[in-house]
Amino acid sequence: SDSEFDYGKDERLRSREVTEGPDKAPHRAMFRAMGF
């Protein structure tokens, strides 16, 4: 279940804080509204 939210992002990148993991589903929902 965790791997569903693993997008292969470089661990050095701080944007992982808003794009990775199940707890970031609301964040990704906002991005999806903008076409990402």
Full PDB file with SEQRES, HELIX, SHEET, SSBOND, CRYST1, ORIGX, SCALE, CONECT and MASTER records, all heavy atoms in Angstrom:
SEQRES   1 A   36  SER ASP SER GLU PHE ASP TYR GLY LYS ASP GLU ARG LEU          
SEQRES   2 A   36  ARG SER ARG GLU VAL THR GLU GLY PRO ASP LYS ALA PRO          
SEQRES   3 A   36  HIS ARG ALA MET PHE ARG ALA MET GLY PHE                      
HELIX    1 AA1 ASP A    2  PHE A    5  5                                   4    
HELIX    2 AA2 ARG A   16  THR A   19  1                                   4    
HELIX    3 AA3 PRO A   22  LYS A   24  5                                   3    
HELIX    4 AA4 ALA A   25  ALA A   33  1                                   9    
CRYST1    1.000    1.000    1.000  90.00  90.00  90.00 P 1           1          
ORIGX1      1.000000  0.000000  0.000000        0.00000                         
ORIGX2      0.000000  1.000000  0.000000        0.00000                         
ORIGX3      0.000000  0.000000  1.000000        0.00000                         
SCALE1      1.000000  0.000000  0.000000        0.00000                         
SCALE2      0.000000  1.000000  0.000000        0.00000                         
SCALE3      0.000000  0.000000  1.000000        0.00000                         
ATOM      1  N   SER A   1       0.827  -1.208   0.000  1.00  0.00           N  
ATOM      2  CA  SER A   1       0.000   0.000   0.000  1.00  0.00           C  
ATOM      3  C   SER A   1       0.859   1.255   0.000  1.00  0.00           C  
ATOM      4  O   SER A   1       0.514   2.247  -0.630  1.00  0.00           O  
ATOM      5  CB  SER A   1      -0.929  -0.001   1.226  1.00  0.00           C  
ATOM      6  OG  SER A   1      -0.149  -0.065   2.422  1.00  0.00           O  
ATOM      7  N   ASP A   2       2.007   1.203   0.704  1.00  0.00           N  
ATOM      8  CA  ASP A   2       2.865   2.389   0.722  1.00  0.00           C  
ATOM      9  C   ASP A   2       3.445   2.691  -0.649  1.00  0.00           C  
ATOM     10  O   ASP A   2       3.637   3.847  -1.008  1.00  0.00           O  
ATOM     11  CB  ASP A   2       4.024   2.190   1.718  1.00  0.00           C  
ATOM     12  CG  ASP A   2       3.560   2.346   3.151  1.00  0.00           C  
ATOM     13  OD1 ASP A   2       2.436   2.837   3.345  1.00  0.00           O  
ATOM     14  OD2 ASP A   2       4.321   1.967   4.054  1.00  0.00           O  
ATOM     15  N   SER A   3       3.736   1.619  -1.445  1.00  0.00           N  
ATOM     16  CA  SER A   3       4.389   1.836  -2.726  1.00  0.00           C  
ATOM     17  C   SER A   3       3.482   2.546  -3.718  1.00  0.00           C  
ATOM     18  O   SER A   3       3.952   3.084  -4.711  1.00  0.00           O  
ATOM     19  CB  SER A   3       4.874   0.513  -3.316  1.00  0.00           C  
ATOM     20  OG  SER A   3       3.773  -0.313  -3.657  1.00  0.00           O  
ATOM     21  N   GLU A   4       2.188   2.548  -3.465  1.00  0.00           N  
ATOM     22  CA  GLU A   4       1.291   3.266  -4.360  1.00  0.00           C  
ATOM     23  C   GLU A   4       1.601   4.764  -4.392  1.00  0.00           C  
ATOM     24  O   GLU A   4       1.261   5.456  -5.336  1.00  0.00           O  
ATOM     25  CB  GLU A   4      -0.161   3.067  -3.919  1.00  0.00           C  
ATOM     26  CG  GLU A   4      -0.643   1.624  -4.046  1.00  0.00           C  
ATOM     27  CD  GLU A   4      -2.049   1.486  -3.512  1.00  0.00           C  
ATOM     28  OE1 GLU A   4      -2.739   2.529  -3.422  1.00  0.00           O  
ATOM     29  OE2 GLU A   4      -2.455   0.367  -3.188  1.00  0.00           O  
ATOM     30  N   PHE A   5       2.250   5.215  -3.338  1.00  0.00           N  
ATOM     31  CA  PHE A   5       2.539   6.647  -3.243  1.00  0.00           C  
ATOM     32  C   PHE A   5       4.015   6.947  -3.421  1.00  0.00           C  
ATOM     33  O   PHE A   5       4.485   8.026  -3.117  1.00  0.00           O  
ATOM     34  CB  PHE A   5       2.058   7.177  -1.884  1.00  0.00           C  
ATOM     35  CG  PHE A   5       0.618   6.881  -1.619  1.00  0.00           C  
ATOM     36  CD1 PHE A   5       0.263   5.783  -0.847  1.00  0.00           C  
ATOM     37  CD2 PHE A   5      -0.372   7.679  -2.158  1.00  0.00           C  
ATOM     38  CE1 PHE A   5      -1.073   5.501  -0.616  1.00  0.00           C  
ATOM     39  CE2 PHE A   5      -1.704   7.398  -1.916  1.00  0.00           C  
ATOM     40  CZ  PHE A   5      -2.072   6.306  -1.147  1.00  0.00           C  
ATOM     41  N   ASP A   6       4.769   5.957  -3.905  1.00  0.00           N  
ATOM     42  CA  ASP A   6       6.204   6.137  -4.142  1.00  0.00           C  
ATOM     43  C   ASP A   6       6.403   6.489  -5.607  1.00  0.00           C  
ATOM     44  O   ASP A   6       6.275   5.642  -6.476  1.00  0.00           O  
ATOM     45  CB  ASP A   6       6.963   4.857  -3.786  1.00  0.00           C  
ATOM     46  CG  ASP A   6       8.466   4.990  -4.027  1.00  0.00           C  
ATOM     47  OD1 ASP A   6       8.899   6.104  -4.376  1.00  0.00           O  
ATOM     48  OD2 ASP A   6       9.179   3.986  -3.862  1.00  0.00           O  
ATOM     49  N   TYR A   7       6.711   7.745  -5.886  1.00  0.00           N  
ATOM     50  CA  TYR A   7       6.836   8.200  -7.264  1.00  0.00           C  
ATOM     51  C   TYR A   7       8.283   8.249  -7.731  1.00  0.00           C  
ATOM     52  O   TYR A   7       8.589   8.840  -8.760  1.00  0.00           O  
ATOM     53  CB  TYR A   7       6.165   9.568  -7.413  1.00  0.00           C  
ATOM     54  CG  TYR A   7       4.677   9.494  -7.165  1.00  0.00           C  
ATOM     55  CD1 TYR A   7       4.147   9.851  -5.929  1.00  0.00           C  
ATOM     56  CD2 TYR A   7       3.816   9.001  -8.146  1.00  0.00           C  
ATOM     57  CE1 TYR A   7       2.788   9.757  -5.695  1.00  0.00           C  
ATOM     58  CE2 TYR A   7       2.451   8.913  -7.910  1.00  0.00           C  
ATOM     59  CZ  TYR A   7       1.949   9.281  -6.681  1.00  0.00           C  
ATOM     60  OH  TYR A   7       0.599   9.191  -6.450  1.00  0.00           O  
ATOM     61  N   GLY A   8       9.161   7.607  -6.971  1.00  0.00           N  
ATOM     62  CA  GLY A   8      10.554   7.498  -7.417  1.00  0.00           C  
ATOM     63  C   GLY A   8      11.334   8.784  -7.346  1.00  0.00           C  
ATOM     64  O   GLY A   8      12.315   8.968  -8.058  1.00  0.00           O  
ATOM     65  N   LYS A   9      10.923   9.708  -6.483  1.00  0.00           N  
ATOM     66  CA  LYS A   9      11.583  11.004  -6.414  1.00  0.00           C  
ATOM     67  C   LYS A   9      12.899  10.895  -5.657  1.00  0.00           C  
ATOM     68  O   LYS A   9      13.034  10.166  -4.679  1.00  0.00           O  
ATOM     69  CB  LYS A   9      10.662  12.028  -5.748  1.00  0.00           C  
ATOM     70  CG  LYS A   9      11.229  13.430  -5.679  1.00  0.00           C  
ATOM     71  CD  LYS A   9      10.184  14.450  -5.298  1.00  0.00           C  
ATOM     72  CE  LYS A   9       9.253  14.754  -6.449  1.00  0.00           C  
ATOM     73  NZ  LYS A   9       8.402  15.920  -6.183  1.00  0.00           N  
ATOM     74  N   ASP A  10      13.893  11.654  -6.126  1.00  0.00           N  
ATOM     75  CA  ASP A  10      15.195  11.732  -5.490  1.00  0.00           C  
ATOM     76  C   ASP A  10      15.013  12.114  -4.021  1.00  0.00           C  
ATOM     77  O   ASP A  10      14.348  13.105  -3.697  1.00  0.00           O  
ATOM     78  CB  ASP A  10      16.034  12.790  -6.217  1.00  0.00           C  
ATOM     79  CG  ASP A  10      17.486  12.814  -5.778  1.00  0.00           C  
ATOM     80  OD1 ASP A  10      17.754  12.584  -4.589  1.00  0.00           O  
ATOM     81  OD2 ASP A  10      18.346  13.108  -6.629  1.00  0.00           O  
ATOM     82  N   GLU A  11      15.620  11.371  -3.127  1.00  0.00           N  
ATOM     83  CA  GLU A  11      15.447  11.615  -1.694  1.00  0.00           C  
ATOM     84  C   GLU A  11      16.027  12.958  -1.247  1.00  0.00           C  
ATOM     85  O   GLU A  11      15.718  13.433  -0.156  1.00  0.00           O  
ATOM     86  CB  GLU A  11      16.074  10.480  -0.882  1.00  0.00           C  
ATOM     87  CG  GLU A  11      15.337   9.154  -1.044  1.00  0.00           C  
ATOM     88  CD  GLU A  11      15.888   8.084  -0.131  1.00  0.00           C  
ATOM     89  OE1 GLU A  11      16.882   8.366   0.579  1.00  0.00           O  
ATOM     90  OE2 GLU A  11      15.326   6.983  -0.114  1.00  0.00           O  
ATOM     91  N   ARG A  12      16.876  13.578  -2.071  1.00  0.00           N  
ATOM     92  CA  ARG A  12      17.447  14.869  -1.699  1.00  0.00           C  
ATOM     93  C   ARG A  12      16.466  16.016  -1.926  1.00  0.00           C  
ATOM     94  O   ARG A  12      16.713  17.130  -1.459  1.00  0.00           O  
ATOM     95  CB  ARG A  12      18.711  15.142  -2.519  1.00  0.00           C  
ATOM     96  CG  ARG A  12      19.836  14.131  -2.323  1.00  0.00           C  
ATOM     97  CD  ARG A  12      20.953  14.387  -3.303  1.00  0.00           C  
ATOM     98  NE  ARG A  12      20.505  14.228  -4.689  1.00  0.00           N  
ATOM     99  CZ  ARG A  12      21.248  14.506  -5.758  1.00  0.00           C  
ATOM    100  NH1 ARG A  12      22.486  14.989  -5.582  1.00  0.00           N  
ATOM    101  NH2 ARG A  12      20.777  14.335  -6.974  1.00  0.00           N  
ATOM    102  N   LEU A  13      15.371  15.762  -2.613  1.00  0.00           N  
ATOM    103  CA  LEU A  13      14.457  16.833  -3.004  1.00  0.00           C  
ATOM    104  C   LEU A  13      13.419  17.086  -1.924  1.00  0.00           C  
ATOM    105  O   LEU A  13      12.713  16.178  -1.497  1.00  0.00           O  
ATOM    106  CB  LEU A  13      13.770  16.481  -4.320  1.00  0.00           C  
ATOM    107  CG  LEU A  13      14.713  16.214  -5.507  1.00  0.00           C  
ATOM    108  CD1 LEU A  13      13.904  15.909  -6.752  1.00  0.00           C  
ATOM    109  CD2 LEU A  13      15.636  17.399  -5.726  1.00  0.00           C  
ATOM    110  N   ARG A  14      13.284  18.360  -1.532  1.00  0.00           N  
ATOM    111  CA  ARG A  14      12.352  18.657  -0.455  1.00  0.00           C  
ATOM    112  C   ARG A  14      10.907  18.656  -0.907  1.00  0.00           C  
ATOM    113  O   ARG A  14       9.992  18.619  -0.069  1.00  0.00           O  
ATOM    114  CB  ARG A  14      12.711  19.987   0.202  1.00  0.00           C  
ATOM    115  CG  ARG A  14      12.516  21.220  -0.637  1.00  0.00           C  
ATOM    116  CD  ARG A  14      12.895  22.461   0.150  1.00  0.00           C  
ATOM    117  NE  ARG A  14      12.623  23.674  -0.595  1.00  0.00           N  
ATOM    118  CZ  ARG A  14      12.849  24.901  -0.116  1.00  0.00           C  
ATOM    119  NH1 ARG A  14      13.373  25.046   1.082  1.00  0.00           N  
ATOM    120  NH2 ARG A  14      12.560  25.974  -0.842  1.00  0.00           N  
ATOM    121  N   SER A  15      10.651  18.674  -2.220  1.00  0.00           N  
ATOM    122  CA  SER A  15       9.265  18.611  -2.689  1.00  0.00           C  
ATOM    123  C   SER A  15       8.614  17.273  -2.351  1.00  0.00           C  
ATOM    124  O   SER A  15       7.382  17.152  -2.422  1.00  0.00           O  
ATOM    125  CB  SER A  15       9.181  18.854  -4.196  1.00  0.00           C  
ATOM    126  OG  SER A  15       9.923  17.893  -4.909  1.00  0.00           O  
ATOM    127  N   ARG A  16       9.416  16.279  -1.943  1.00  0.00           N  
ATOM    128  CA  ARG A  16       8.844  15.013  -1.465  1.00  0.00           C  
ATOM    129  C   ARG A  16       7.894  15.268  -0.296  1.00  0.00           C  
ATOM    130  O   ARG A  16       6.956  14.506  -0.062  1.00  0.00           O  
ATOM    131  CB  ARG A  16       9.962  14.064  -1.020  1.00  0.00           C  
ATOM    132  CG  ARG A  16      10.871  13.606  -2.150  1.00  0.00           C  
ATOM    133  CD  ARG A  16      12.066  12.795  -1.650  1.00  0.00           C  
ATOM    134  NE  ARG A  16      11.638  11.519  -1.093  1.00  0.00           N  
ATOM    135  CZ  ARG A  16      11.764  11.190   0.196  1.00  0.00           C  
ATOM    136  NH1 ARG A  16      12.282  12.050   1.052  1.00  0.00           N  
ATOM    137  NH2 ARG A  16      11.361  10.002   0.611  1.00  0.00           N  
ATOM    138  N   GLU A  17       8.164  16.375   0.438  1.00  0.00           N  
ATOM    139  CA  GLU A  17       7.339  16.689   1.602  1.00  0.00           C  
ATOM    140  C   GLU A  17       5.894  16.982   1.230  1.00  0.00           C  
ATOM    141  O   GLU A  17       5.011  16.937   2.097  1.00  0.00           O  
ATOM    142  CB  GLU A  17       7.935  17.886   2.353  1.00  0.00           C  
ATOM    143  CG  GLU A  17       9.333  17.660   2.897  1.00  0.00           C  
ATOM    144  CD  GLU A  17       9.922  18.928   3.490  1.00  0.00           C  
ATOM    145  OE1 GLU A  17       9.144  19.801   3.950  1.00  0.00           O  
ATOM    146  OE2 GLU A  17      11.155  19.067   3.493  1.00  0.00           O  
ATOM    147  N   VAL A  18       5.625  17.318  -0.029  1.00  0.00           N  
ATOM    148  CA  VAL A  18       4.248  17.627  -0.435  1.00  0.00           C  
ATOM    149  C   VAL A  18       3.745  16.702  -1.540  1.00  0.00           C  
ATOM    150  O   VAL A  18       2.616  16.887  -2.013  1.00  0.00           O  
ATOM    151  CB  VAL A  18       4.123  19.099  -0.893  1.00  0.00           C  
ATOM    152  CG1 VAL A  18       4.378  20.049   0.269  1.00  0.00           C  
ATOM    153  CG2 VAL A  18       5.057  19.416  -2.043  1.00  0.00           C  
ATOM    154  N   THR A  19       4.544  15.707  -1.938  1.00  0.00           N  
ATOM    155  CA  THR A  19       4.085  14.834  -3.028  1.00  0.00           C  
ATOM    156  C   THR A  19       4.119  13.348  -2.690  1.00  0.00           C  
ATOM    157  O   THR A  19       3.508  12.557  -3.416  1.00  0.00           O  
ATOM    158  CB  THR A  19       4.934  15.035  -4.302  1.00  0.00           C  
ATOM    159  OG1 THR A  19       6.309  14.728  -4.015  1.00  0.00           O  
ATOM    160  CG2 THR A  19       4.807  16.452  -4.831  1.00  0.00           C  
ATOM    161  N   GLU A  20       4.800  12.922  -1.637  1.00  0.00           N  
ATOM    162  CA  GLU A  20       4.964  11.498  -1.379  1.00  0.00           C  
ATOM    163  C   GLU A  20       4.279  11.052  -0.102  1.00  0.00           C  
ATOM    164  O   GLU A  20       4.213  11.801   0.873  1.00  0.00           O  
ATOM    165  CB  GLU A  20       6.456  11.142  -1.303  1.00  0.00           C  
ATOM    166  CG  GLU A  20       7.140  11.183  -2.653  1.00  0.00           C  
ATOM    167  CD  GLU A  20       8.484  10.477  -2.648  1.00  0.00           C  
ATOM    168  OE1 GLU A  20       8.915  10.011  -1.580  1.00  0.00           O  
ATOM    169  OE2 GLU A  20       9.093  10.392  -3.716  1.00  0.00           O  
ATOM    170  N   GLY A  21       3.787   9.813  -0.134  1.00  0.00           N  
ATOM    171  CA  GLY A  21       3.202   9.186   1.045  1.00  0.00           C  
ATOM    172  C   GLY A  21       1.692   9.328   1.096  1.00  0.00           C  
ATOM    173  O   GLY A  21       1.112  10.251   0.525  1.00  0.00           O  
ATOM    174  N   PRO A  22       1.033   8.409   1.796  1.00  0.00           N  
ATOM    175  CA  PRO A  22      -0.436   8.443   1.881  1.00  0.00           C  
ATOM    176  C   PRO A  22      -0.967   9.709   2.545  1.00  0.00           C  
ATOM    177  O   PRO A  22      -2.042  10.187   2.221  1.00  0.00           O  
ATOM    178  CB  PRO A  22      -0.774   7.193   2.710  1.00  0.00           C  
ATOM    179  CG  PRO A  22       0.496   6.817   3.406  1.00  0.00           C  
ATOM    180  CD  PRO A  22       1.611   7.252   2.520  1.00  0.00           C  
ATOM    181  N   ASP A  23      -0.171  10.279   3.482  1.00  0.00           N  
ATOM    182  CA  ASP A  23      -0.644  11.480   4.174  1.00  0.00           C  
ATOM    183  C   ASP A  23      -0.599  12.716   3.298  1.00  0.00           C  
ATOM    184  O   ASP A  23      -1.111  13.778   3.687  1.00  0.00           O  
ATOM    185  CB  ASP A  23       0.173  11.704   5.446  1.00  0.00           C  
ATOM    186  CG  ASP A  23       1.660  11.853   5.175  1.00  0.00           C  
ATOM    187  OD1 ASP A  23       2.149  11.194   4.235  1.00  0.00           O  
ATOM    188  OD2 ASP A  23       2.337  12.620   5.895  1.00  0.00           O  
ATOM    189  N   LYS A  24       0.000  12.597   2.113  1.00  0.00           N  
ATOM    190  CA  LYS A  24       0.056  13.730   1.192  1.00  0.00           C  
ATOM    191  C   LYS A  24      -0.985  13.634   0.087  1.00  0.00           C  
ATOM    192  O   LYS A  24      -0.930  14.369  -0.897  1.00  0.00           O  
ATOM    193  CB  LYS A  24       1.461  13.849   0.578  1.00  0.00           C  
ATOM    194  CG  LYS A  24       2.559  14.112   1.608  1.00  0.00           C  
ATOM    195  CD  LYS A  24       2.287  15.375   2.412  1.00  0.00           C  
ATOM    196  CE  LYS A  24       3.431  15.714   3.355  1.00  0.00           C  
ATOM    197  NZ  LYS A  24       3.521  14.749   4.471  1.00  0.00           N  
ATOM    198  N   ALA A  25      -1.951  12.743   0.258  1.00  0.00           N  
ATOM    199  CA  ALA A  25      -3.032  12.634  -0.728  1.00  0.00           C  
ATOM    200  C   ALA A  25      -3.777  13.962  -0.907  1.00  0.00           C  
ATOM    201  O   ALA A  25      -4.084  14.352  -2.042  1.00  0.00           O  
ATOM    202  CB  ALA A  25      -3.993  11.513  -0.323  1.00  0.00           C  
ATOM    203  N   PRO A  26      -4.079  14.713   0.181  1.00  0.00           N  
ATOM    204  CA  PRO A  26      -4.757  16.003  -0.036  1.00  0.00           C  
ATOM    205  C   PRO A  26      -3.905  16.970  -0.852  1.00  0.00           C  
ATOM    206  O   PRO A  26      -4.437  17.729  -1.670  1.00  0.00           O  
ATOM    207  CB  PRO A  26      -4.975  16.533   1.389  1.00  0.00           C  
ATOM    208  CG  PRO A  26      -4.912  15.321   2.272  1.00  0.00           C  
ATOM    209  CD  PRO A  26      -3.911  14.416   1.630  1.00  0.00           C  
ATOM    210  N   HIS A  27      -2.588  16.947  -0.622  1.00  0.00           N  
ATOM    211  CA  HIS A  27      -1.691  17.835  -1.350  1.00  0.00           C  
ATOM    212  C   HIS A  27      -1.705  17.494  -2.844  1.00  0.00           C  
ATOM    213  O   HIS A  27      -1.790  18.377  -3.705  1.00  0.00           O  
ATOM    214  CB  HIS A  27      -0.266  17.710  -0.810  1.00  0.00           C  
ATOM    215  CG  HIS A  27      -0.138  17.907   0.674  1.00  0.00           C  
ATOM    216  ND1 HIS A  27      -0.729  17.066   1.589  1.00  0.00           N  
ATOM    217  CD2 HIS A  27       0.520  18.846   1.394  1.00  0.00           C  
ATOM    218  CE1 HIS A  27      -0.439  17.480   2.810  1.00  0.00           C  
ATOM    219  NE2 HIS A  27       0.320  18.564   2.716  1.00  0.00           N  
ATOM    220  N   ARG A  28      -1.632  16.170  -3.114  1.00  0.00           N  
ATOM    221  CA  ARG A  28      -1.632  15.742  -4.518  1.00  0.00           C  
ATOM    222  C   ARG A  28      -2.973  16.049  -5.178  1.00  0.00           C  
ATOM    223  O   ARG A  28      -3.020  16.385  -6.376  1.00  0.00           O  
ATOM    224  CB  ARG A  28      -1.306  14.254  -4.615  1.00  0.00           C  
ATOM    225  CG  ARG A  28       0.144  13.912  -4.250  1.00  0.00           C  
ATOM    226  CD  ARG A  28       0.486  12.475  -4.609  1.00  0.00           C  
ATOM    227  NE  ARG A  28      -0.315  11.530  -3.860  1.00  0.00           N  
ATOM    228  CZ  ARG A  28      -0.030  11.050  -2.647  1.00  0.00           C  
ATOM    229  NH1 ARG A  28       1.086  11.461  -2.029  1.00  0.00           N  
ATOM    230  NH2 ARG A  28      -0.812  10.183  -2.035  1.00  0.00           N  
ATOM    231  N   ALA A  29      -4.038  15.967  -4.404  1.00  0.00           N  
ATOM    232  CA  ALA A  29      -5.354  16.291  -4.970  1.00  0.00           C  
ATOM    233  C   ALA A  29      -5.381  17.739  -5.453  1.00  0.00           C  
ATOM    234  O   ALA A  29      -5.953  18.042  -6.519  1.00  0.00           O  
ATOM    235  CB  ALA A  29      -6.439  16.062  -3.919  1.00  0.00           C  
ATOM    236  N   MET A  30      -4.744  18.618  -4.699  1.00  0.00           N  
ATOM    237  CA  MET A  30      -4.678  20.023  -5.118  1.00  0.00           C  
ATOM    238  C   MET A  30      -3.869  20.161  -6.405  1.00  0.00           C  
ATOM    239  O   MET A  30      -4.258  20.895  -7.320  1.00  0.00           O  
ATOM    240  CB  MET A  30      -4.054  20.863  -4.005  1.00  0.00           C  
ATOM    241  CG  MET A  30      -4.836  20.886  -2.705  1.00  0.00           C  
ATOM    242  SD  MET A  30      -6.375  21.823  -2.819  1.00  0.00           S  
ATOM    243  CE  MET A  30      -5.737  23.496  -2.762  1.00  0.00           C  
ATOM    244  N   PHE A  31      -2.752  19.449  -6.477  1.00  0.00           N  
ATOM    245  CA  PHE A  31      -1.943  19.504  -7.699  1.00  0.00           C  
ATOM    246  C   PHE A  31      -2.714  18.931  -8.886  1.00  0.00           C  
ATOM    247  O   PHE A  31      -2.638  19.463  -9.999  1.00  0.00           O  
ATOM    248  CB  PHE A  31      -0.641  18.718  -7.504  1.00  0.00           C  
ATOM    249  CG  PHE A  31       0.426  19.466  -6.753  1.00  0.00           C  
ATOM    250  CD1 PHE A  31       0.923  18.981  -5.554  1.00  0.00           C  
ATOM    251  CD2 PHE A  31       0.940  20.653  -7.241  1.00  0.00           C  
ATOM    252  CE1 PHE A  31       1.909  19.662  -4.858  1.00  0.00           C  
ATOM    253  CE2 PHE A  31       1.923  21.347  -6.563  1.00  0.00           C  
ATOM    254  CZ  PHE A  31       2.417  20.849  -5.365  1.00  0.00           C  
ATOM    255  N   ARG A  32      -3.461  17.845  -8.669  1.00  0.00           N  
ATOM    256  CA  ARG A  32      -4.207  17.230  -9.781  1.00  0.00           C  
ATOM    257  C   ARG A  32      -5.252  18.195 -10.327  1.00  0.00           C  
ATOM    258  O   ARG A  32      -5.548  18.197 -11.530  1.00  0.00           O  
ATOM    259  CB  ARG A  32      -4.864  15.926  -9.307  1.00  0.00           C  
ATOM    260  CG  ARG A  32      -3.869  14.823  -8.976  1.00  0.00           C  
ATOM    261  CD  ARG A  32      -4.575  13.514  -8.630  1.00  0.00           C  
ATOM    262  NE  ARG A  32      -3.677  12.569  -7.990  1.00  0.00           N  
ATOM    263  CZ  ARG A  32      -2.786  11.816  -8.604  1.00  0.00           C  
ATOM    264  NH1 ARG A  32      -2.658  11.880  -9.920  1.00  0.00           N  
ATOM    265  NH2 ARG A  32      -2.027  10.970  -7.914  1.00  0.00           N  
ATOM    266  N   ALA A  33      -5.780  19.059  -9.463  1.00  0.00           N  
ATOM    267  CA  ALA A  33      -6.764  20.040  -9.921  1.00  0.00           C  
ATOM    268  C   ALA A  33      -6.149  21.012 -10.920  1.00  0.00           C  
ATOM    269  O   ALA A  33      -6.870  21.626 -11.721  1.00  0.00           O  
ATOM    270  CB  ALA A  33      -7.314  20.810  -8.717  1.00  0.00           C  
ATOM    271  N   MET A  34      -4.812  21.134 -10.895  1.00  0.00           N  
ATOM    272  CA  MET A  34      -4.120  22.051 -11.803  1.00  0.00           C  
ATOM    273  C   MET A  34      -3.516  21.332 -13.001  1.00  0.00           C  
ATOM    274  O   MET A  34      -2.769  21.927 -13.772  1.00  0.00           O  
ATOM    275  CB  MET A  34      -3.027  22.815 -11.041  1.00  0.00           C  
ATOM    276  CG  MET A  34      -3.567  23.720  -9.952  1.00  0.00           C  
ATOM    277  SD  MET A  34      -2.276  24.633  -9.053  1.00  0.00           S  
ATOM    278  CE  MET A  34      -1.573  23.336  -8.034  1.00  0.00           C  
ATOM    279  N   GLY A  35      -3.822  20.021 -13.139  1.00  0.00           N  
ATOM    280  CA  GLY A  35      -3.384  19.289 -14.319  1.00  0.00           C  
ATOM    281  C   GLY A  35      -2.119  18.477 -14.130  1.00  0.00           C  
ATOM    282  O   GLY A  35      -1.630  17.880 -15.095  1.00  0.00           O  
ATOM    283  N   PHE A  36      -1.553  18.446 -12.928  1.00  0.00           N  
ATOM    284  CA  PHE A  36      -0.359  17.636 -12.686  1.00  0.00           C  
ATOM    285  C   PHE A  36      -0.764  16.186 -12.477  1.00  0.00           C  
ATOM    286  O   PHE A  36      -1.884  15.874 -12.079  1.00  0.00           O  
ATOM    287  CB  PHE A  36       0.401  18.173 -11.473  1.00  0.00           C  
ATOM    288  CG  PHE A  36       0.965  19.550 -11.687  1.00  0.00           C  
ATOM    289  CD1 PHE A  36       0.381  20.660 -11.087  1.00  0.00           C  
ATOM    290  CD2 PHE A  36       2.070  19.746 -12.507  1.00  0.00           C  
ATOM    291  CE1 PHE A  36       0.894  21.935 -11.287  1.00  0.00           C  
ATOM    292  CE2 PHE A  36       2.591  21.026 -12.715  1.00  0.00           C  
ATOM    293  CZ  PHE A  36       1.995  22.114 -12.108  1.00  0.00           C  
TER     294      PHE A  36                                                      
MASTER        0    0    0    4    0    0    0    6  293    1    0    3          
END                                                                             
